[in-house]
Amino acid sequence: MTIGGSIALIVIGAILRFGITWKPAHVDLEAIGVILMVAGAAGLMALLSGVDLGGGFDPPKLVASTAALAVISLGVAGVAAGLYPARRAAMLEPVEALRKE
């Protein structure tokens, strides 16, 4: 895979994930878009790992445990960031919530 191919996978995946509103019956285009973006990023990292960056820089490496830890941490942070305002909004009386807007 070339750098252009990796970038093309990322772009096509992003278009499928975020840009298309059409939803076919038996195909999840959003999941396919995410898979393409991950494959493009992995291919780009594989290509960049062979580049000599000079002294002081290590080539990028895709470590599965680090990627999993990042996904889990960001998921927990996202849930926590969404629960706090949702809980505050749920505890308000509807009239009070409308009055504050």
C-alpha atoms as a PDB file:
ATOM      1  CA  MET A   1       0.000   0.000   0.000  1.00  0.00           C
ATOM      2  CA  THR A   2       1.255   3.477  -0.804  1.00  0.00           C
ATOM      3  CA  ILE A   3       0.837   6.688   1.137  1.00  0.00           C
ATOM      4  CA  GLY A   4      -1.782   7.807  -1.382  1.00  0.00           C
ATOM      5  CA  GLY A   5      -3.669   4.541  -0.943  1.00  0.00           C
ATOM      6  CA  SER A   6      -3.659   4.918   2.828  1.00  0.00           C
ATOM      7  CA  ILE A   7      -4.913   8.488   2.624  1.00  0.00           C
ATOM      8  CA  ALA A   8      -7.568   7.419   0.100  1.00  0.00           C
ATOM      9  CA  LEU A   9      -8.800   4.723   2.512  1.00  0.00           C
ATOM     10  CA  ILE A  10      -9.001   7.278   5.316  1.00  0.00           C
ATOM     11  CA  VAL A  11     -10.907   9.766   3.122  1.00  0.00           C
ATOM     12  CA  ILE A  12     -13.321   7.172   1.721  1.00  0.00           C
ATOM     13  CA  GLY A  13     -13.908   5.812   5.220  1.00  0.00           C
ATOM     14  CA  ALA A  14     -14.601   9.291   6.574  1.00  0.00           C
ATOM     15  CA  ILE A  15     -17.063   9.970   3.762  1.00  0.00           C
ATOM     16  CA  LEU A  16     -18.877   6.698   4.456  1.00  0.00           C
ATOM     17  CA  ARG A  17     -18.880   7.322   8.208  1.00  0.00           C
ATOM     18  CA  PHE A  18     -19.787  10.996   8.371  1.00  0.00           C
ATOM     19  CA  GLY A  19     -20.916  12.200   4.943  1.00  0.00           C
ATOM     20  CA  ILE A  20     -23.547   9.791   3.678  1.00  0.00           C
ATOM     21  CA  THR A  21     -27.085   9.866   4.996  1.00  0.00           C
ATOM     22  CA  TRP A  22     -28.391   7.059   2.765  1.00  0.00           C
ATOM     23  CA  LYS A  23     -28.785   3.838   4.739  1.00  0.00           C
ATOM     24  CA  PRO A  24     -29.167   0.624   2.723  1.00  0.00           C
ATOM     25  CA  ALA A  25     -31.198  -2.188   4.248  1.00  0.00           C
ATOM     26  CA  HIS A  26     -28.568  -4.817   5.048  1.00  0.00           C
ATOM     27  CA  VAL A  27     -25.270  -2.897   4.941  1.00  0.00           C
ATOM     28  CA  ASP A  28     -23.883  -0.729   7.742  1.00  0.00           C
ATOM     29  CA  LEU A  29     -21.974   1.962   5.842  1.00  0.00           C
ATOM     30  CA  GLU A  30     -20.830   3.649   9.050  1.00  0.00           C
ATOM     31  CA  ALA A  31     -19.103   0.475  10.269  1.00  0.00           C
ATOM     32  CA  ILE A  32     -17.477  -0.011   6.868  1.00  0.00           C
ATOM     33  CA  GLY A  33     -16.283   3.604   7.005  1.00  0.00           C
ATOM     34  CA  VAL A  34     -14.707   3.093  10.421  1.00  0.00           C
ATOM     35  CA  ILE A  35     -12.996  -0.105   9.250  1.00  0.00           C
ATOM     36  CA  LEU A  36     -11.596   1.700   6.188  1.00  0.00           C
ATOM     37  CA  MET A  37     -10.299   4.590   8.307  1.00  0.00           C
ATOM     38  CA  VAL A  38      -8.578   2.206  10.728  1.00  0.00           C
ATOM     39  CA  ALA A  39      -7.066   0.229   7.840  1.00  0.00           C
ATOM     40  CA  GLY A  40      -5.831   3.440   6.211  1.00  0.00           C
ATOM     41  CA  ALA A  41      -4.285   4.672   9.464  1.00  0.00           C
ATOM     42  CA  ALA A  42      -2.614   1.298  10.067  1.00  0.00           C
ATOM     43  CA  GLY A  43      -1.261   1.279   6.509  1.00  0.00           C
ATOM     44  CA  LEU A  44       0.047   4.816   6.887  1.00  0.00           C
ATOM     45  CA  MET A  45       1.777   3.907  10.133  1.00  0.00           C
ATOM     46  CA  ALA A  46       3.282   0.794   8.526  1.00  0.00           C
ATOM     47  CA  LEU A  47       4.657   2.912   5.707  1.00  0.00           C
ATOM     48  CA  LEU A  48       6.040   5.552   8.044  1.00  0.00           C
ATOM     49  CA  SER A  49       7.737   2.939  10.209  1.00  0.00           C
ATOM     50  CA  GLY A  50      10.220   2.329   7.380  1.00  0.00           C
ATOM     51  CA  VAL A  51      11.170   6.003   7.027  1.00  0.00           C
ATOM     52  CA  ASP A  52      14.475   7.099   8.554  1.00  0.00           C
ATOM     53  CA  LEU A  53      13.599  10.074  10.738  1.00  0.00           C
ATOM     54  CA  GLY A  54      17.123  10.828  11.872  1.00  0.00           C
ATOM     55  CA  GLY A  55      18.510  10.790  15.359  1.00  0.00           C
ATOM     56  CA  GLY A  56      16.219  11.280  18.312  1.00  0.00           C
ATOM     57  CA  PHE A  57      12.990  10.088  16.687  1.00  0.00           C
ATOM     58  CA  ASP A  58      11.513   6.615  16.824  1.00  0.00           C
ATOM     59  CA  PRO A  59       9.364   5.348  13.968  1.00  0.00           C
ATOM     60  CA  PRO A  60       5.653   5.057  14.773  1.00  0.00           C
ATOM     61  CA  LYS A  61       4.489   1.638  15.939  1.00  0.00           C
ATOM     62  CA  LEU A  62       0.955   0.332  16.234  1.00  0.00           C
ATOM     63  CA  VAL A  63       0.696  -1.486  19.568  1.00  0.00           C
ATOM     64  CA  ALA A  64      -2.644  -3.226  20.074  1.00  0.00           C
ATOM     65  CA  SER A  65      -2.677  -2.863  23.870  1.00  0.00           C
ATOM     66  CA  THR A  66      -2.005   0.873  23.651  1.00  0.00           C
ATOM     67  CA  ALA A  67      -4.727   1.326  21.023  1.00  0.00           C
ATOM     68  CA  ALA A  68      -7.204  -0.637  23.151  1.00  0.00           C
ATOM     69  CA  LEU A  69      -6.316   1.403  26.240  1.00  0.00           C
ATOM     70  CA  ALA A  70      -6.818   4.635  24.275  1.00  0.00           C
ATOM     71  CA  VAL A  71     -10.223   3.515  22.996  1.00  0.00           C
ATOM     72  CA  ILE A  72     -11.360   2.436  26.463  1.00  0.00           C
ATOM     73  CA  SER A  73     -10.109   5.649  28.129  1.00  0.00           C
ATOM     74  CA  LEU A  74     -11.777   7.862  25.539  1.00  0.00           C
ATOM     75  CA  GLY A  75     -14.988   5.846  25.863  1.00  0.00           C
ATOM     76  CA  VAL A  76     -15.028   6.281  29.638  1.00  0.00           C
ATOM     77  CA  ALA A  77     -14.284  10.003  29.297  1.00  0.00           C
ATOM     78  CA  GLY A  78     -17.090  10.384  26.737  1.00  0.00           C
ATOM     79  CA  VAL A  79     -19.617   8.593  28.916  1.00  0.00           C
ATOM     80  CA  ALA A  80     -18.602  10.636  31.956  1.00  0.00           C
ATOM     81  CA  ALA A  81     -18.791  13.889  29.982  1.00  0.00           C
ATOM     82  CA  GLY A  82     -22.278  12.979  28.773  1.00  0.00           C
ATOM     83  CA  LEU A  83     -23.691  11.695  32.048  1.00  0.00           C
ATOM     84  CA  TYR A  84     -23.011  14.804  34.136  1.00  0.00           C
ATOM     85  CA  PRO A  85     -25.086  17.265  32.051  1.00  0.00           C
ATOM     86  CA  ALA A  86     -27.749  14.629  31.390  1.00  0.00           C
ATOM     87  CA  ARG A  87     -28.152  13.946  35.098  1.00  0.00           C
ATOM     88  CA  ARG A  88     -28.376  17.661  35.889  1.00  0.00           C
ATOM     89  CA  ALA A  89     -30.988  18.130  33.168  1.00  0.00           C
ATOM     90  CA  ALA A  90     -33.005  15.133  34.354  1.00  0.00           C
ATOM     91  CA  MET A  91     -33.175  16.507  37.897  1.00  0.00           C
ATOM     92  CA  LEU A  92     -34.674  19.844  36.785  1.00  0.00           C
ATOM     93  CA  GLU A  93     -38.361  20.460  36.689  1.00  0.00           C
ATOM     94  CA  PRO A  94     -39.524  21.022  33.087  1.00  0.00           C
ATOM     95  CA  VAL A  95     -40.785  24.516  33.885  1.00  0.00           C
ATOM     96  CA  GLU A  96     -37.444  25.491  35.439  1.00  0.00           C
ATOM     97  CA  ALA A  97     -35.532  24.108  32.468  1.00  0.00           C
ATOM     98  CA  LEU A  98     -37.647  26.121  30.035  1.00  0.00           C
ATOM     99  CA  ARG A  99     -37.363  29.264  32.167  1.00  0.00           C
ATOM    100  CA  LYS A 100     -33.535  29.104  32.090  1.00  0.00           C
ATOM    101  CA  GLU A 101     -33.446  29.002  28.284  1.00  0.00           C
END
